[in-house]
Amino acid sequence: PMVRAQIARWRMWHCLACRGLLVAQGDFRAM
C-alpha cells in the first residue's frame, strides 16, 4: 500500500518499499 507524499507543493502517492511515485500527469510536468 502506498502513502500520500509531497515534493515541493505537489502531492502524490509514494511506495515506501520500492520508493516509486504515482503522480498526476500535469503535476509531473509542473514539478
PDB file of all heavy atoms in Angstrom:
ATOM      1  N   PRO A   1       0.836  -1.209   0.000  1.00  0.00           N
ATOM      2  CA  PRO A   1       0.000   0.000   0.000  1.00  0.00           C
ATOM      3  C   PRO A   1       0.869   1.258   0.000  1.00  0.00           C
ATOM      4  O   PRO A   1       1.834   1.351   0.754  1.00  0.00           O
ATOM      5  CB  PRO A   1      -0.802  -0.105   1.298  1.00  0.00           C
ATOM      6  CG  PRO A   1      -0.786  -1.550   1.631  1.00  0.00           C
ATOM      7  CD  PRO A   1       0.536  -2.069   1.131  1.00  0.00           C
ATOM      8  N   MET A   2       0.520   2.213  -0.853  1.00  0.00           N
ATOM      9  CA  MET A   2       1.291   3.451  -0.938  1.00  0.00           C
ATOM     10  C   MET A   2       0.755   4.475   0.060  1.00  0.00           C
ATOM     11  O   MET A   2      -0.375   4.366   0.519  1.00  0.00           O
ATOM     12  CB  MET A   2       1.247   4.009  -2.362  1.00  0.00           C
ATOM     13  CG  MET A   2       1.985   3.131  -3.349  1.00  0.00           C
ATOM     14  SD  MET A   2       2.154   3.885  -4.970  1.00  0.00           S
ATOM     15  CE  MET A   2       0.480   3.777  -5.584  1.00  0.00           C
ATOM     16  N   VAL A   3       1.595   5.445   0.376  1.00  0.00           N
ATOM     17  CA  VAL A   3       1.219   6.517   1.295  1.00  0.00           C
ATOM     18  C   VAL A   3       1.218   7.836   0.533  1.00  0.00           C
ATOM     19  O   VAL A   3       1.864   7.974  -0.501  1.00  0.00           O
ATOM     20  CB  VAL A   3       2.179   6.604   2.512  1.00  0.00           C
ATOM     21  CG1 VAL A   3       2.120   5.334   3.328  1.00  0.00           C
ATOM     22  CG2 VAL A   3       3.592   6.911   2.074  1.00  0.00           C
ATOM     23  N   ARG A   4       0.496   8.803   1.064  1.00  0.00           N
ATOM     24  CA  ARG A   4       0.479  10.136   0.478  1.00  0.00           C
ATOM     25  C   ARG A   4       1.819  10.792   0.735  1.00  0.00           C
ATOM     26  O   ARG A   4       2.393  10.652   1.816  1.00  0.00           O
ATOM     27  CB  ARG A   4      -0.590  10.960   1.151  1.00  0.00           C
ATOM     28  CG  ARG A   4      -1.807  11.409   0.438  1.00  0.00           C
ATOM     29  CD  ARG A   4      -1.879  11.291  -1.007  1.00  0.00           C
ATOM     30  NE  ARG A   4      -2.697  12.383  -1.515  1.00  0.00           N
ATOM     31  CZ  ARG A   4      -2.764  12.697  -2.765  1.00  0.00           C
ATOM     32  NH1 ARG A   4      -2.100  12.051  -3.651  1.00  0.00           N
ATOM     33  NH2 ARG A   4      -3.504  13.692  -3.158  1.00  0.00           N
ATOM     34  N   ALA A   5       2.320  11.503  -0.245  1.00  0.00           N
ATOM     35  CA  ALA A   5       3.623  12.159  -0.114  1.00  0.00           C
ATOM     36  C   ALA A   5       3.579  13.473  -0.871  1.00  0.00           C
ATOM     37  O   ALA A   5       2.620  13.762  -1.590  1.00  0.00           O
ATOM     38  CB  ALA A   5       4.726  11.261  -0.642  1.00  0.00           C
ATOM     39  N   GLN A   6       4.651  14.231  -0.724  1.00  0.00           N
ATOM     40  CA  GLN A   6       4.711  15.544  -1.351  1.00  0.00           C
ATOM     41  C   GLN A   6       6.148  15.880  -1.707  1.00  0.00           C
ATOM     42  O   GLN A   6       7.071  15.590  -0.948  1.00  0.00           O
ATOM     43  CB  GLN A   6       4.160  16.569  -0.354  1.00  0.00           C
ATOM     44  CG  GLN A   6       4.057  17.963  -0.884  1.00  0.00           C
ATOM     45  CD  GLN A   6       3.276  18.850   0.067  1.00  0.00           C
ATOM     46  OE1 GLN A   6       2.276  18.427   0.641  1.00  0.00           O
ATOM     47  NE2 GLN A   6       3.726  20.075   0.235  1.00  0.00           N
ATOM     48  N   ILE A   7       6.332  16.475  -2.885  1.00  0.00           N
ATOM     49  CA  ILE A   7       7.607  17.060  -3.299  1.00  0.00           C
ATOM     50  C   ILE A   7       7.283  18.506  -3.640  1.00  0.00           C
ATOM     51  O   ILE A   7       6.419  18.763  -4.484  1.00  0.00           O
ATOM     52  CB  ILE A   7       8.220  16.344  -4.512  1.00  0.00           C
ATOM     53  CG1 ILE A   7       8.569  14.898  -4.168  1.00  0.00           C
ATOM     54  CG2 ILE A   7       9.455  17.098  -5.011  1.00  0.00           C
ATOM     55  CD1 ILE A   7       9.100  14.092  -5.343  1.00  0.00           C
ATOM     56  N   ALA A   8       7.956  19.427  -2.965  1.00  0.00           N
ATOM     57  CA  ALA A   8       7.637  20.859  -3.069  1.00  0.00           C
ATOM     58  C   ALA A   8       6.145  21.011  -2.777  1.00  0.00           C
ATOM     59  O   ALA A   8       5.694  20.593  -1.720  1.00  0.00           O
ATOM     60  CB  ALA A   8       8.058  21.427  -4.405  1.00  0.00           C
ATOM     61  N   ARG A   9       5.360  21.540  -3.703  1.00  0.00           N
ATOM     62  CA  ARG A   9       3.930  21.723  -3.427  1.00  0.00           C
ATOM     63  C   ARG A   9       3.055  20.651  -4.082  1.00  0.00           C
ATOM     64  O   ARG A   9       1.835  20.703  -3.998  1.00  0.00           O
ATOM     65  CB  ARG A   9       3.484  23.111  -3.866  1.00  0.00           C
ATOM     66  CG  ARG A   9       3.592  23.353  -5.355  1.00  0.00           C
ATOM     67  CD  ARG A   9       3.085  24.759  -5.696  1.00  0.00           C
ATOM     68  NE  ARG A   9       3.295  25.083  -7.074  1.00  0.00           N
ATOM     69  CZ  ARG A   9       4.325  25.779  -7.536  1.00  0.00           C
ATOM     70  NH1 ARG A   9       5.243  26.211  -6.718  1.00  0.00           N
ATOM     71  NH2 ARG A   9       4.442  26.048  -8.823  1.00  0.00           N
ATOM     72  N   TRP A  10       3.642  19.678  -4.753  1.00  0.00           N
ATOM     73  CA  TRP A  10       2.887  18.663  -5.475  1.00  0.00           C
ATOM     74  C   TRP A  10       2.724  17.407  -4.634  1.00  0.00           C
ATOM     75  O   TRP A  10       3.687  16.850  -4.133  1.00  0.00           O
ATOM     76  CB  TRP A  10       3.555  18.348  -6.802  1.00  0.00           C
ATOM     77  CG  TRP A  10       3.487  19.525  -7.712  1.00  0.00           C
ATOM     78  CD1 TRP A  10       2.437  19.888  -8.515  1.00  0.00           C
ATOM     79  CD2 TRP A  10       4.488  20.532  -7.882  1.00  0.00           C
ATOM     80  NE1 TRP A  10       2.733  21.045  -9.173  1.00  0.00           N
ATOM     81  CE2 TRP A  10       3.987  21.474  -8.808  1.00  0.00           C
ATOM     82  CE3 TRP A  10       5.761  20.735  -7.344  1.00  0.00           C
ATOM     83  CZ2 TRP A  10       4.700  22.581  -9.211  1.00  0.00           C
ATOM     84  CZ3 TRP A  10       6.479  21.842  -7.731  1.00  0.00           C
ATOM     85  CH2 TRP A  10       5.948  22.747  -8.658  1.00  0.00           C
ATOM     86  N   ARG A  11       1.480  16.951  -4.546  1.00  0.00           N
ATOM     87  CA  ARG A  11       1.170  15.729  -3.800  1.00  0.00           C
ATOM     88  C   ARG A  11       1.094  14.551  -4.754  1.00  0.00           C
ATOM     89  O   ARG A  11       0.747  14.705  -5.920  1.00  0.00           O
ATOM     90  CB  ARG A  11      -0.138  15.885  -3.050  1.00  0.00           C
ATOM     91  CG  ARG A  11       0.007  16.884  -1.931  1.00  0.00           C
ATOM     92  CD  ARG A  11      -1.129  16.784  -0.988  1.00  0.00           C
ATOM     93  NE  ARG A  11      -0.852  17.672   0.143  1.00  0.00           N
ATOM     94  CZ  ARG A  11      -1.397  17.533   1.310  1.00  0.00           C
ATOM     95  NH1 ARG A  11      -2.226  16.556   1.531  1.00  0.00           N
ATOM     96  NH2 ARG A  11      -1.105  18.371   2.276  1.00  0.00           N
ATOM     97  N   MET A  12       1.411  13.393  -4.205  1.00  0.00           N
ATOM     98  CA  MET A  12       1.453  12.170  -4.999  1.00  0.00           C
ATOM     99  C   MET A  12       1.322  10.982  -4.069  1.00  0.00           C
ATOM    100  O   MET A  12       1.240  11.144  -2.859  1.00  0.00           O
ATOM    101  CB  MET A  12       2.769  12.100  -5.772  1.00  0.00           C
ATOM    102  CG  MET A  12       3.988  12.027  -4.871  1.00  0.00           C
ATOM    103  SD  MET A  12       5.476  12.703  -5.582  1.00  0.00           S
ATOM    104  CE  MET A  12       5.078  14.402  -5.778  1.00  0.00           C
ATOM    105  N   TRP A  13       1.358   9.788  -4.622  1.00  0.00           N
ATOM    106  CA  TRP A  13       1.405   8.552  -3.841  1.00  0.00           C
ATOM    107  C   TRP A  13       2.824   8.018  -3.931  1.00  0.00           C
ATOM    108  O   TRP A  13       3.465   8.086  -4.981  1.00  0.00           O
ATOM    109  CB  TRP A  13       0.393   7.547  -4.376  1.00  0.00           C
ATOM    110  CG  TRP A  13      -1.019   7.989  -4.148  1.00  0.00           C
ATOM    111  CD1 TRP A  13      -1.847   8.599  -5.048  1.00  0.00           C
ATOM    112  CD2 TRP A  13      -1.746   7.904  -2.930  1.00  0.00           C
ATOM    113  NE1 TRP A  13      -3.039   8.896  -4.461  1.00  0.00           N
ATOM    114  CE2 TRP A  13      -3.019   8.465  -3.157  1.00  0.00           C
ATOM    115  CE3 TRP A  13      -1.461   7.404  -1.662  1.00  0.00           C
ATOM    116  CZ2 TRP A  13      -3.994   8.533  -2.182  1.00  0.00           C
ATOM    117  CZ3 TRP A  13      -2.440   7.463  -0.685  1.00  0.00           C
ATOM    118  CH2 TRP A  13      -3.699   8.032  -0.953  1.00  0.00           C
ATOM    119  N   HIS A  14       3.294   7.455  -2.813  1.00  0.00           N
ATOM    120  CA  HIS A  14       4.695   7.017  -2.697  1.00  0.00           C
ATOM    121  C   HIS A  14       4.733   5.620  -2.080  1.00  0.00           C
ATOM    122  O   HIS A  14       4.061   5.363  -1.086  1.00  0.00           O
ATOM    123  CB  HIS A  14       5.439   8.020  -1.809  1.00  0.00           C
ATOM    124  CG  HIS A  14       6.852   7.686  -1.514  1.00  0.00           C
ATOM    125  ND1 HIS A  14       7.819   7.548  -2.483  1.00  0.00           N
ATOM    126  CD2 HIS A  14       7.489   7.459  -0.340  1.00  0.00           C
ATOM    127  CE1 HIS A  14       8.972   7.282  -1.914  1.00  0.00           C
ATOM    128  NE2 HIS A  14       8.794   7.201  -0.615  1.00  0.00           N
ATOM    129  N   CYS A  15       5.515   4.735  -2.674  1.00  0.00           N
ATOM    130  CA  CYS A  15       5.711   3.394  -2.113  1.00  0.00           C
ATOM    131  C   CYS A  15       6.947   3.424  -1.225  1.00  0.00           C
ATOM    132  O   CYS A  15       8.034   3.757  -1.689  1.00  0.00           O
ATOM    133  CB  CYS A  15       5.883   2.358  -3.218  1.00  0.00           C
ATOM    134  SG  CYS A  15       6.181   0.697  -2.564  1.00  0.00           S
ATOM    135  N   LEU A  16       6.775   3.071   0.028  1.00  0.00           N
ATOM    136  CA  LEU A  16       7.900   3.080   0.958  1.00  0.00           C
ATOM    137  C   LEU A  16       8.837   1.890   0.739  1.00  0.00           C
ATOM    138  O   LEU A  16       9.981   1.924   1.169  1.00  0.00           O
ATOM    139  CB  LEU A  16       7.393   3.096   2.406  1.00  0.00           C
ATOM    140  CG  LEU A  16       6.602   4.342   2.801  1.00  0.00           C
ATOM    141  CD1 LEU A  16       6.051   4.201   4.206  1.00  0.00           C
ATOM    142  CD2 LEU A  16       7.461   5.589   2.672  1.00  0.00           C
ATOM    143  N   ALA A  17       8.367   0.833   0.058  1.00  0.00           N
ATOM    144  CA  ALA A  17       9.203  -0.337  -0.193  1.00  0.00           C
ATOM    145  C   ALA A  17      10.134  -0.125  -1.388  1.00  0.00           C
ATOM    146  O   ALA A  17      11.350  -0.207  -1.266  1.00  0.00           O
ATOM    147  CB  ALA A  17       8.338  -1.571  -0.403  1.00  0.00           C
ATOM    148  N   CYS A  18       9.546   0.167  -2.566  1.00  0.00           N
ATOM    149  CA  CYS A  18      10.370   0.313  -3.776  1.00  0.00           C
ATOM    150  C   CYS A  18      10.695   1.774  -4.092  1.00  0.00           C
ATOM    151  O   CYS A  18      11.449   2.051  -5.012  1.00  0.00           O
ATOM    152  CB  CYS A  18       9.693  -0.347  -4.970  1.00  0.00           C
ATOM    153  SG  CYS A  18       8.220   0.517  -5.571  1.00  0.00           S
ATOM    154  N   ARG A  19      10.098   2.712  -3.351  1.00  0.00           N
ATOM    155  CA  ARG A  19      10.299   4.151  -3.483  1.00  0.00           C
ATOM    156  C   ARG A  19       9.792   4.723  -4.812  1.00  0.00           C
ATOM    157  O   ARG A  19      10.271   5.747  -5.286  1.00  0.00           O
ATOM    158  CB  ARG A  19      11.753   4.541  -3.258  1.00  0.00           C
ATOM    159  CG  ARG A  19      12.256   4.172  -1.875  1.00  0.00           C
ATOM    160  CD  ARG A  19      13.651   4.661  -1.663  1.00  0.00           C
ATOM    161  NE  ARG A  19      14.198   4.124  -0.416  1.00  0.00           N
ATOM    162  CZ  ARG A  19      15.456   4.272  -0.062  1.00  0.00           C
ATOM    163  NH1 ARG A  19      16.295   4.939  -0.819  1.00  0.00           N
ATOM    164  NH2 ARG A  19      15.887   3.753   1.060  1.00  0.00           N
ATOM    165  N   GLY A  20       8.844   4.045  -5.427  1.00  0.00           N
ATOM    166  CA  GLY A  20       8.223   4.543  -6.644  1.00  0.00           C
ATOM    167  C   GLY A  20       7.232   5.653  -6.335  1.00  0.00           C
ATOM    168  O   GLY A  20       6.793   5.811  -5.190  1.00  0.00           O
ATOM    169  N   LEU A  21       6.878   6.425  -7.367  1.00  0.00           N
ATOM    170  CA  LEU A  21       5.966   7.560  -7.215  1.00  0.00           C
ATOM    171  C   LEU A  21       4.838   7.472  -8.228  1.00  0.00           C
ATOM    172  O   LEU A  21       5.075   7.210  -9.411  1.00  0.00           O
ATOM    173  CB  LEU A  21       6.708   8.877  -7.438  1.00  0.00           C
ATOM    174  CG  LEU A  21       7.861   9.198  -6.503  1.00  0.00           C
ATOM    175  CD1 LEU A  21       8.641  10.399  -7.026  1.00  0.00           C
ATOM    176  CD2 LEU A  21       7.339   9.465  -5.105  1.00  0.00           C
ATOM    177  N   LEU A  22       3.610   7.703  -7.781  1.00  0.00           N
ATOM    178  CA  LEU A  22       2.455   7.802  -8.655  1.00  0.00           C
ATOM    179  C   LEU A  22       2.016   9.261  -8.630  1.00  0.00           C
ATOM    180  O   LEU A  22       1.583   9.765  -7.591  1.00  0.00           O
ATOM    181  CB  LEU A  22       1.328   6.888  -8.185  1.00  0.00           C
ATOM    182  CG  LEU A  22       0.111   6.839  -9.106  1.00  0.00           C
ATOM    183  CD1 LEU A  22       0.465   6.116 -10.410  1.00  0.00           C
ATOM    184  CD2 LEU A  22      -1.046   6.140  -8.415  1.00  0.00           C
ATOM    185  N   VAL A  23       2.152   9.941  -9.780  1.00  0.00           N
ATOM    186  CA  VAL A  23       1.953  11.382  -9.862  1.00  0.00           C
ATOM    187  C   VAL A  23       0.951  11.697 -10.967  1.00  0.00           C
ATOM    188  O   VAL A  23       0.979  11.073 -12.032  1.00  0.00           O
ATOM    189  CB  VAL A  23       3.294  12.090 -10.193  1.00  0.00           C
ATOM    190  CG1 VAL A  23       3.148  13.593 -10.162  1.00  0.00           C
ATOM    191  CG2 VAL A  23       4.408  11.634  -9.282  1.00  0.00           C
ATOM    192  N   ALA A  24       0.090  12.673 -10.739  1.00  0.00           N
ATOM    193  CA  ALA A  24      -0.798  13.147 -11.806  1.00  0.00           C
ATOM    194  C   ALA A  24       0.072  13.699 -12.935  1.00  0.00           C
ATOM    195  O   ALA A  24       1.088  14.348 -12.689  1.00  0.00           O
ATOM    196  CB  ALA A  24      -1.735  14.224 -11.276  1.00  0.00           C
ATOM    197  N   GLN A  25      -0.319  13.441 -14.191  1.00  0.00           N
ATOM    198  CA  GLN A  25       0.499  13.849 -15.339  1.00  0.00           C
ATOM    199  C   GLN A  25       0.793  15.341 -15.346  1.00  0.00           C
ATOM    200  O   GLN A  25       1.918  15.759 -15.577  1.00  0.00           O
ATOM    201  CB  GLN A  25      -0.172  13.431 -16.651  1.00  0.00           C
ATOM    202  CG  GLN A  25      -0.113  11.953 -16.886  1.00  0.00           C
ATOM    203  CD  GLN A  25      -0.841  11.526 -18.149  1.00  0.00           C
ATOM    204  OE1 GLN A  25      -1.613  12.283 -18.744  1.00  0.00           O
ATOM    205  NE2 GLN A  25      -0.607  10.295 -18.563  1.00  0.00           N
ATOM    206  N   GLY A  26      -0.206  16.168 -15.099  1.00  0.00           N
ATOM    207  CA  GLY A  26       0.004  17.618 -15.082  1.00  0.00           C
ATOM    208  C   GLY A  26       0.940  18.026 -13.960  1.00  0.00           C
ATOM    209  O   GLY A  26       1.788  18.906 -14.128  1.00  0.00           O
ATOM    210  N   ASP A  27       0.810  17.375 -12.807  1.00  0.00           N
ATOM    211  CA  ASP A  27       1.703  17.670 -11.683  1.00  0.00           C
ATOM    212  C   ASP A  27       3.135  17.248 -12.003  1.00  0.00           C
ATOM    213  O   ASP A  27       4.080  17.924 -11.614  1.00  0.00           O
ATOM    214  CB  ASP A  27       1.230  16.974 -10.408  1.00  0.00           C
ATOM    215  CG  ASP A  27      -0.025  17.594  -9.827  1.00  0.00           C
ATOM    216  OD1 ASP A  27      -0.439  18.667 -10.309  1.00  0.00           O
ATOM    217  OD2 ASP A  27      -0.587  16.996  -8.886  1.00  0.00           O
ATOM    218  N   PHE A  28       3.288  16.125 -12.704  1.00  0.00           N
ATOM    219  CA  PHE A  28       4.624  15.671 -13.085  1.00  0.00           C
ATOM    220  C   PHE A  28       5.309  16.717 -13.962  1.00  0.00           C
ATOM    221  O   PHE A  28       6.457  17.098 -13.726  1.00  0.00           O
ATOM    222  CB  PHE A  28       4.561  14.318 -13.793  1.00  0.00           C
ATOM    223  CG  PHE A  28       5.868  13.885 -14.404  1.00  0.00           C
ATOM    224  CD1 PHE A  28       6.969  13.613 -13.603  1.00  0.00           C
ATOM    225  CD2 PHE A  28       5.995  13.743 -15.773  1.00  0.00           C
ATOM    226  CE1 PHE A  28       8.181  13.218 -14.161  1.00  0.00           C
ATOM    227  CE2 PHE A  28       7.195  13.334 -16.332  1.00  0.00           C
ATOM    228  CZ  PHE A  28       8.282  13.078 -15.526  1.00  0.00           C
ATOM    229  N   ARG A  29       4.594  17.221 -14.962  1.00  0.00           N
ATOM    230  CA  ARG A  29       5.168  18.242 -15.852  1.00  0.00           C
ATOM    231  C   ARG A  29       5.541  19.503 -15.081  1.00  0.00           C
ATOM    232  O   ARG A  29       6.632  20.050 -15.248  1.00  0.00           O
ATOM    233  CB  ARG A  29       4.198  18.572 -16.983  1.00  0.00           C
ATOM    234  CG  ARG A  29       4.127  17.524 -18.064  1.00  0.00           C
ATOM    235  CD  ARG A  29       3.333  18.002 -19.271  1.00  0.00           C
ATOM    236  NE  ARG A  29       1.945  18.307 -18.951  1.00  0.00           N
ATOM    237  CZ  ARG A  29       0.956  17.424 -18.976  1.00  0.00           C
ATOM    238  NH1 ARG A  29       1.202  16.185 -19.313  1.00  0.00           N
ATOM    239  NH2 ARG A  29      -0.274  17.788 -18.676  1.00  0.00           N
ATOM    240  N   ALA A  30       4.629  19.981 -14.239  1.00  0.00           N
ATOM    241  CA  ALA A  30       4.885  21.209 -13.479  1.00  0.00           C
ATOM    242  C   ALA A  30       6.021  21.017 -12.473  1.00  0.00           C
ATOM    243  O   ALA A  30       6.899  21.876 -12.345  1.00  0.00           O
ATOM    244  CB  ALA A  30       3.608  21.650 -12.761  1.00  0.00           C
ATOM    245  N   MET A  31       6.018  19.890 -11.769  1.00  0.00           N
ATOM    246  CA  MET A  31       7.063  19.614 -10.784  1.00  0.00           C
ATOM    247  C   MET A  31       8.419  19.489 -11.461  1.00  0.00           C
ATOM    248  O   MET A  31       9.424  20.000 -10.963  1.00  0.00           O
ATOM    249  CB  MET A  31       6.738  18.326 -10.017  1.00  0.00           C
ATOM    250  CG  MET A  31       7.778  17.941  -8.993  1.00  0.00           C
ATOM    251  SD  MET A  31       7.329  16.468  -8.040  1.00  0.00           S
ATOM    252  CE  MET A  31       6.969  15.269  -9.307  1.00  0.00           C
TER     253      MET A  31
END
